[in-house]
Structure formats: structure tokens, C-alpha cells
């Protein structure tokens, strides 16, 4: 397995600090790290609210990347509250497809870090609706 996956895992783990922000908002249960086309790693955590105003960790990391002037993703890794890794939700997959419509299928996703199992976003989302 490439060293980049270890770097992504450690970057996500470093920001995963599950906590209650207020009576209505919690953060950090899920943490994500993405590798951009430049090779830089960006992180984000989920922000859960009592309404639909929250954000997933993956999109938060992507927004961090966009804020810093980049717009192309190579790899995505998300750590769940129990320490396992998992695939992005449908909203995150849709956002990545809209960000990179001609190349979203190439984005690598870490599905199971312990087993070193990856897939591409094209494997997970073979027939995008657009």
C-alpha cells in the first residue's frame, strides 16, 4: 500500500476530536483527509446539527482544498467514530462528481484501511445522473 494512505489516515486521525459544540451542534465524529492533484493533504471533520445545516467531513475537507486554491482530488479517506474507514455518502459522491465531471471516476477511495481495500469513485458511482 502506498505511503500516501498512511499519511491521509494520520492527517484525518489528527483532526478527529469528537465533541459537543453546543446543545444543537457536535463535530469531529467523522474526520476526512483528501489528497489534491498537487499532492497536498487537506482535512475536515463532520459538523452535525439538529437541522440540515451540518456538513460531512469529506465535503469539509474538499471545501478546505477549494479555499486554498485547488480543485482536483486524487484520494479520499474518512475515519468513522469507531476508527474504521468507509465510503463517502451520496451527497459527497455527488459533490465530487460535480467538481470533476470528466474525471470523478478516477478518484481513489479508501474503503477499509485495515484490509487495505480501495475503490474508485467510478466503482462506487458508475452511472452518474448527468
N, C-alpha and C. Protein backbone atom coordinates (compact mmCIF):
# COMPACT_ATOMS: atom_id res chain seq x y z
N UNK A 1 0.85 -1.18 0.00
CA UNK A 1 0.00 0.00 0.00
C UNK A 1 0.89 1.23 0.00
N UNK A 2 0.47 2.20 -0.78
CA UNK A 2 1.25 3.43 -0.90
C UNK A 2 1.30 4.19 0.43
N UNK A 3 2.42 4.86 0.67
CA UNK A 3 2.59 5.64 1.89
C UNK A 3 1.57 6.76 2.01
N UNK A 4 1.04 7.22 0.90
CA UNK A 4 0.08 8.32 0.95
C UNK A 4 -1.15 7.94 1.79
N UNK A 5 -1.56 6.67 1.74
CA UNK A 5 -2.72 6.27 2.54
C UNK A 5 -2.44 6.39 4.03
N UNK A 6 -1.22 6.05 4.44
CA UNK A 6 -0.84 6.21 5.85
C UNK A 6 -0.84 7.70 6.21
N UNK A 7 -0.33 8.53 5.33
CA UNK A 7 -0.32 9.98 5.57
C UNK A 7 -1.74 10.52 5.67
N UNK A 8 -2.63 10.07 4.80
CA UNK A 8 -4.03 10.51 4.85
C UNK A 8 -4.70 10.05 6.14
N UNK A 9 -4.45 8.80 6.51
CA UNK A 9 -5.04 8.26 7.74
C UNK A 9 -4.58 9.07 8.95
N UNK A 10 -3.29 9.33 9.05
CA UNK A 10 -2.75 10.08 10.18
C UNK A 10 -3.26 11.52 10.20
N UNK A 11 -3.40 12.13 9.03
CA UNK A 11 -3.92 13.51 8.96
C UNK A 11 -5.37 13.57 9.44
N UNK A 12 -6.18 12.61 9.00
CA UNK A 12 -7.58 12.58 9.44
C UNK A 12 -7.66 12.30 10.94
N UNK A 13 -6.88 11.35 11.41
CA UNK A 13 -6.90 10.99 12.83
C UNK A 13 -6.51 12.20 13.70
N UNK A 14 -5.59 13.02 13.20
CA UNK A 14 -5.12 14.17 13.96
C UNK A 14 -6.21 15.22 14.21
N UNK A 15 -7.20 15.29 13.32
CA UNK A 15 -8.26 16.29 13.50
C UNK A 15 -9.55 15.70 14.06
N UNK A 16 -9.61 14.39 14.20
CA UNK A 16 -10.82 13.74 14.69
C UNK A 16 -10.90 13.88 16.21
N UNK A 17 -11.62 14.88 16.63
CA UNK A 17 -11.80 15.16 18.05
C UNK A 17 -13.29 15.33 18.29
N UNK A 18 -13.96 14.22 18.51
CA UNK A 18 -15.42 14.26 18.68
C UNK A 18 -15.77 15.09 19.91
N UNK A 19 -16.67 16.05 19.69
CA UNK A 19 -17.03 16.95 20.78
C UNK A 19 -18.38 17.60 20.55
N UNK A 20 -18.97 18.05 21.63
CA UNK A 20 -20.22 18.81 21.58
C UNK A 20 -19.85 20.29 21.52
N UNK A 21 -20.31 20.97 20.47
CA UNK A 21 -20.04 22.39 20.32
C UNK A 21 -21.08 23.20 21.09
N UNK A 22 -22.33 22.77 21.00
CA UNK A 22 -23.42 23.39 21.72
C UNK A 22 -24.50 22.33 21.92
N UNK A 23 -25.62 22.73 22.48
CA UNK A 23 -26.72 21.77 22.67
C UNK A 23 -27.26 21.27 21.34
N UNK A 24 -26.98 21.95 20.25
CA UNK A 24 -27.51 21.60 18.93
C UNK A 24 -26.46 21.18 17.92
N UNK A 25 -25.18 21.30 18.25
CA UNK A 25 -24.13 21.01 17.27
C UNK A 25 -23.03 20.16 17.89
N UNK A 26 -22.66 19.10 17.17
CA UNK A 26 -21.49 18.30 17.54
C UNK A 26 -20.56 18.26 16.34
N UNK A 27 -19.31 17.95 16.58
CA UNK A 27 -18.32 17.93 15.50
C UNK A 27 -17.28 16.87 15.76
N UNK A 28 -16.61 16.46 14.69
CA UNK A 28 -15.45 15.60 14.80
C UNK A 28 -15.68 14.12 14.95
N UNK A 29 -16.91 13.67 14.89
CA UNK A 29 -17.15 12.23 14.96
C UNK A 29 -16.53 11.50 13.78
N UNK A 30 -16.66 12.09 12.61
CA UNK A 30 -16.02 11.58 11.40
C UNK A 30 -15.00 12.62 10.96
N UNK A 31 -13.84 12.14 10.55
CA UNK A 31 -12.79 13.02 10.02
C UNK A 31 -12.36 12.50 8.67
N UNK A 32 -11.97 13.41 7.78
CA UNK A 32 -11.56 13.01 6.44
C UNK A 32 -10.28 13.73 6.05
N UNK A 33 -9.56 13.07 5.16
CA UNK A 33 -8.38 13.69 4.56
C UNK A 33 -8.43 13.40 3.07
N UNK A 34 -8.09 14.39 2.27
CA UNK A 34 -8.04 14.19 0.83
C UNK A 34 -6.66 14.60 0.32
N UNK A 35 -6.24 13.92 -0.72
CA UNK A 35 -5.02 14.32 -1.41
C UNK A 35 -5.45 15.03 -2.67
N UNK A 36 -4.93 16.24 -2.87
CA UNK A 36 -5.24 17.00 -4.08
C UNK A 36 -4.31 16.59 -5.20
N UNK A 37 -4.56 17.12 -6.38
CA UNK A 37 -3.71 16.83 -7.54
C UNK A 37 -2.27 17.27 -7.32
N UNK A 38 -2.07 18.29 -6.49
CA UNK A 38 -0.71 18.77 -6.21
C UNK A 38 0.03 17.88 -5.22
N UNK A 39 -0.71 16.97 -4.58
CA UNK A 39 -0.11 16.11 -3.57
C UNK A 39 -0.30 16.61 -2.15
N UNK A 40 -0.90 17.79 -2.00
CA UNK A 40 -1.14 18.34 -0.67
C UNK A 40 -2.33 17.62 -0.02
N UNK A 41 -2.28 17.49 1.29
CA UNK A 41 -3.35 16.85 2.05
C UNK A 41 -4.18 17.93 2.74
N UNK A 42 -5.50 17.81 2.60
CA UNK A 42 -6.45 18.70 3.25
C UNK A 42 -7.35 17.85 4.16
N UNK A 43 -7.73 18.41 5.29
CA UNK A 43 -8.58 17.67 6.23
C UNK A 43 -9.87 18.42 6.51
N UNK A 44 -10.80 17.68 7.10
CA UNK A 44 -12.06 18.25 7.54
C UNK A 44 -12.74 17.29 8.49
N UNK A 45 -13.66 17.79 9.27
CA UNK A 45 -14.46 16.96 10.17
C UNK A 45 -15.93 17.19 9.89
N UNK A 46 -16.74 16.23 10.28
CA UNK A 46 -18.18 16.42 10.14
C UNK A 46 -18.64 17.42 11.19
N UNK A 47 -19.67 18.17 10.85
CA UNK A 47 -20.33 19.06 11.78
C UNK A 47 -21.80 18.67 11.72
N UNK A 48 -22.29 18.07 12.79
CA UNK A 48 -23.67 17.59 12.85
C UNK A 48 -24.52 18.59 13.62
N UNK A 49 -25.70 18.90 13.04
CA UNK A 49 -26.60 19.86 13.66
C UNK A 49 -27.97 19.22 13.83
N UNK A 50 -28.84 19.88 14.57
CA UNK A 50 -30.18 19.34 14.77
C UNK A 50 -31.10 19.68 13.60
N UNK A 51 -30.54 20.25 12.54
CA UNK A 51 -31.28 20.50 11.31
C UNK A 51 -30.36 20.16 10.14
N UNK A 52 -30.70 20.51 8.97
CA UNK A 52 -29.93 20.11 7.77
C UNK A 52 -28.76 21.04 7.46
N UNK A 53 -28.27 21.79 8.42
CA UNK A 53 -27.20 22.74 8.16
C UNK A 53 -25.80 22.18 8.39
N UNK A 54 -25.68 20.93 8.77
CA UNK A 54 -24.38 20.33 9.02
C UNK A 54 -23.64 20.02 7.73
N UNK A 55 -22.45 19.41 7.88
CA UNK A 55 -21.62 19.08 6.73
C UNK A 55 -20.84 17.81 7.03
N UNK A 56 -20.65 17.01 6.01
CA UNK A 56 -19.84 15.80 6.13
C UNK A 56 -18.35 16.16 6.16
N UNK A 57 -17.56 15.29 6.74
CA UNK A 57 -16.12 15.51 6.84
C UNK A 57 -15.47 15.59 5.46
N UNK A 58 -15.91 14.74 4.53
CA UNK A 58 -15.31 14.75 3.20
C UNK A 58 -15.53 16.07 2.48
N UNK A 59 -16.76 16.57 2.50
CA UNK A 59 -17.03 17.86 1.86
C UNK A 59 -16.32 18.99 2.58
N UNK A 60 -16.21 18.90 3.89
CA UNK A 60 -15.48 19.92 4.65
C UNK A 60 -14.02 19.94 4.19
N UNK A 61 -13.41 18.77 4.00
CA UNK A 61 -12.02 18.69 3.52
C UNK A 61 -11.91 19.25 2.10
N UNK A 62 -12.90 18.94 1.26
CA UNK A 62 -12.90 19.45 -0.12
C UNK A 62 -13.04 20.97 -0.11
N UNK A 63 -13.90 21.51 0.74
CA UNK A 63 -14.04 22.97 0.85
C UNK A 63 -12.72 23.59 1.30
N UNK A 64 -12.01 22.92 2.20
CA UNK A 64 -10.69 23.39 2.64
C UNK A 64 -9.74 23.44 1.45
N UNK A 65 -9.77 22.40 0.61
CA UNK A 65 -8.93 22.36 -0.59
C UNK A 65 -9.28 23.51 -1.53
N UNK A 66 -10.57 23.71 -1.77
CA UNK A 66 -11.02 24.78 -2.66
C UNK A 66 -10.64 26.14 -2.10
N UNK A 67 -10.80 26.32 -0.80
CA UNK A 67 -10.42 27.57 -0.15
C UNK A 67 -8.95 27.89 -0.38
N UNK A 68 -8.14 26.84 -0.48
CA UNK A 68 -6.70 27.01 -0.67
C UNK A 68 -6.29 26.97 -2.13
N UNK A 69 -7.25 27.16 -3.04
CA UNK A 69 -6.94 27.37 -4.45
C UNK A 69 -6.83 26.14 -5.32
N UNK A 70 -7.19 24.97 -4.80
CA UNK A 70 -7.11 23.75 -5.63
C UNK A 70 -8.52 23.25 -5.93
N UNK A 71 -8.63 22.43 -6.98
CA UNK A 71 -9.96 21.95 -7.35
C UNK A 71 -9.95 20.54 -7.95
N UNK A 72 -8.92 19.76 -7.66
CA UNK A 72 -8.86 18.40 -8.18
C UNK A 72 -8.41 17.44 -7.09
N UNK A 73 -9.15 16.34 -6.94
CA UNK A 73 -8.91 15.35 -5.89
C UNK A 73 -8.28 14.10 -6.48
N UNK A 74 -7.31 13.55 -5.77
CA UNK A 74 -6.74 12.24 -6.13
C UNK A 74 -7.30 11.13 -5.26
N UNK A 75 -7.27 11.34 -3.94
CA UNK A 75 -7.65 10.28 -2.99
C UNK A 75 -8.47 10.86 -1.84
N UNK A 76 -9.33 10.00 -1.27
CA UNK A 76 -10.18 10.38 -0.15
C UNK A 76 -10.16 9.26 0.89
N UNK A 77 -10.02 9.65 2.15
CA UNK A 77 -10.09 8.70 3.26
C UNK A 77 -10.91 9.33 4.36
N UNK A 78 -11.86 8.57 4.91
CA UNK A 78 -12.68 9.06 6.02
C UNK A 78 -12.64 8.05 7.16
N UNK A 79 -12.45 8.55 8.38
CA UNK A 79 -12.42 7.72 9.57
C UNK A 79 -13.72 7.93 10.33
N UNK A 80 -14.42 6.82 10.59
CA UNK A 80 -15.68 6.84 11.31
C UNK A 80 -15.42 6.94 12.83
N UNK A 81 -16.46 7.20 13.62
CA UNK A 81 -16.26 7.33 15.07
C UNK A 81 -15.62 6.10 15.72
N UNK A 82 -15.86 4.91 15.16
CA UNK A 82 -15.28 3.69 15.75
C UNK A 82 -13.87 3.39 15.26
N UNK A 83 -13.29 4.28 14.45
CA UNK A 83 -11.93 4.10 13.97
C UNK A 83 -11.79 3.40 12.63
N UNK A 84 -12.89 2.86 12.12
CA UNK A 84 -12.84 2.23 10.81
C UNK A 84 -12.94 3.28 9.72
N UNK A 85 -12.63 2.89 8.51
CA UNK A 85 -12.80 3.80 7.37
C UNK A 85 -14.01 3.36 6.57
N UNK A 86 -14.54 4.28 5.77
CA UNK A 86 -15.72 3.95 4.99
C UNK A 86 -15.87 4.85 3.79
N UNK A 87 -16.81 4.49 2.95
CA UNK A 87 -17.07 5.21 1.71
C UNK A 87 -17.85 6.50 1.97
N UNK A 88 -17.66 7.49 1.11
CA UNK A 88 -18.43 8.74 1.22
C UNK A 88 -19.92 8.50 0.99
N UNK A 89 -20.73 9.33 1.60
CA UNK A 89 -22.18 9.26 1.40
C UNK A 89 -22.55 9.73 -0.01
N UNK A 90 -23.79 9.60 -0.37
CA UNK A 90 -24.26 10.00 -1.69
C UNK A 90 -24.05 11.48 -1.97
N UNK A 91 -24.27 12.34 -0.98
CA UNK A 91 -24.09 13.78 -1.19
C UNK A 91 -22.63 14.10 -1.47
N UNK A 92 -21.71 13.44 -0.78
CA UNK A 92 -20.28 13.68 -1.01
C UNK A 92 -19.87 13.16 -2.37
N UNK A 93 -20.39 12.00 -2.75
CA UNK A 93 -20.09 11.45 -4.08
C UNK A 93 -20.60 12.38 -5.17
N UNK A 94 -21.80 12.91 -4.99
CA UNK A 94 -22.37 13.84 -5.97
C UNK A 94 -21.52 15.10 -6.06
N UNK A 95 -21.08 15.63 -4.92
CA UNK A 95 -20.26 16.84 -4.92
C UNK A 95 -18.96 16.60 -5.68
N UNK A 96 -18.32 15.46 -5.44
CA UNK A 96 -17.07 15.15 -6.14
C UNK A 96 -17.30 15.00 -7.64
N UNK A 97 -18.42 14.38 -8.01
CA UNK A 97 -18.74 14.22 -9.44
C UNK A 97 -18.96 15.58 -10.09
N UNK A 98 -19.65 16.49 -9.40
CA UNK A 98 -19.87 17.81 -9.95
C UNK A 98 -18.57 18.62 -10.00
N UNK A 99 -17.67 18.41 -9.05
CA UNK A 99 -16.39 19.11 -9.02
C UNK A 99 -15.50 18.68 -10.18
N UNK A 100 -15.52 17.38 -10.49
CA UNK A 100 -14.64 16.83 -11.52
C UNK A 100 -15.46 15.97 -12.49
N UNK A 101 -16.40 16.56 -13.23
CA UNK A 101 -17.32 15.77 -14.04
C UNK A 101 -16.68 14.85 -15.06
N UNK A 102 -15.58 15.24 -15.64
CA UNK A 102 -14.93 14.40 -16.64
C UNK A 102 -13.97 13.39 -16.06
N UNK A 103 -13.62 13.56 -14.75
CA UNK A 103 -12.58 12.70 -14.17
C UNK A 103 -12.94 12.14 -12.80
N UNK A 104 -14.17 12.33 -12.34
CA UNK A 104 -14.52 11.87 -10.99
C UNK A 104 -14.31 10.37 -10.81
N UNK A 105 -14.46 9.61 -11.88
CA UNK A 105 -14.34 8.15 -11.78
C UNK A 105 -12.95 7.71 -11.35
N UNK A 106 -11.94 8.59 -11.50
CA UNK A 106 -10.56 8.25 -11.17
C UNK A 106 -10.20 8.47 -9.69
N UNK A 107 -11.04 9.17 -8.95
CA UNK A 107 -10.74 9.45 -7.55
C UNK A 107 -10.70 8.13 -6.78
N UNK A 108 -9.61 7.93 -6.04
CA UNK A 108 -9.47 6.72 -5.24
C UNK A 108 -10.06 6.93 -3.85
N UNK A 109 -10.79 5.93 -3.37
CA UNK A 109 -11.46 5.99 -2.08
C UNK A 109 -10.95 4.84 -1.21
N UNK A 110 -10.56 5.14 0.02
CA UNK A 110 -10.19 4.08 0.95
C UNK A 110 -11.47 3.55 1.59
N UNK A 111 -11.79 2.31 1.32
CA UNK A 111 -12.98 1.69 1.89
C UNK A 111 -12.70 1.03 3.23
N UNK A 112 -11.59 0.30 3.32
CA UNK A 112 -11.26 -0.45 4.53
C UNK A 112 -9.75 -0.37 4.75
N UNK A 113 -9.35 0.54 5.61
CA UNK A 113 -7.93 0.78 5.85
C UNK A 113 -7.25 -0.47 6.44
N UNK A 114 -7.92 -1.15 7.35
CA UNK A 114 -7.33 -2.33 7.99
C UNK A 114 -7.02 -3.42 6.96
N UNK A 115 -7.88 -3.55 5.97
CA UNK A 115 -7.68 -4.56 4.92
C UNK A 115 -7.03 -3.99 3.67
N UNK A 116 -6.76 -2.69 3.69
CA UNK A 116 -6.16 -2.00 2.54
C UNK A 116 -7.01 -2.13 1.28
N UNK A 117 -8.32 -2.02 1.47
CA UNK A 117 -9.25 -2.15 0.35
C UNK A 117 -9.65 -0.77 -0.15
N UNK A 118 -9.39 -0.53 -1.43
CA UNK A 118 -9.76 0.74 -2.05
C UNK A 118 -10.68 0.48 -3.24
N UNK A 119 -11.30 1.53 -3.69
CA UNK A 119 -12.12 1.50 -4.90
C UNK A 119 -12.02 2.89 -5.51
N UNK A 120 -12.45 3.01 -6.74
CA UNK A 120 -12.53 4.35 -7.33
C UNK A 120 -13.94 4.87 -7.16
N UNK A 121 -14.08 6.18 -7.28
CA UNK A 121 -15.42 6.75 -7.23
C UNK A 121 -16.25 6.23 -8.39
N UNK A 122 -15.60 5.92 -9.50
CA UNK A 122 -16.30 5.31 -10.63
C UNK A 122 -16.86 3.94 -10.28
N UNK A 123 -16.15 3.17 -9.46
CA UNK A 123 -16.67 1.87 -9.00
C UNK A 123 -17.91 2.07 -8.14
N UNK A 124 -17.86 3.09 -7.27
CA UNK A 124 -18.96 3.34 -6.34
C UNK A 124 -20.13 4.06 -7.00
N UNK A 125 -19.83 4.85 -8.02
CA UNK A 125 -20.85 5.65 -8.71
C UNK A 125 -20.65 5.49 -10.22
N UNK A 126 -21.02 4.31 -10.74
CA UNK A 126 -20.71 4.03 -12.15
C UNK A 126 -21.57 4.80 -13.16
N UNK A 127 -22.76 5.18 -12.78
CA UNK A 127 -23.65 5.85 -13.74
C UNK A 127 -24.16 7.14 -13.12
N UNK A 128 -23.35 8.17 -13.21
CA UNK A 128 -23.74 9.47 -12.66
C UNK A 128 -24.94 9.98 -13.43
N UNK A 129 -25.84 10.65 -12.79
CA UNK A 129 -27.12 11.04 -13.39
C UNK A 129 -27.01 12.10 -14.47
N UNK A 130 -25.92 12.86 -14.54
CA UNK A 130 -25.80 13.91 -15.56
C UNK A 130 -25.40 13.30 -16.89
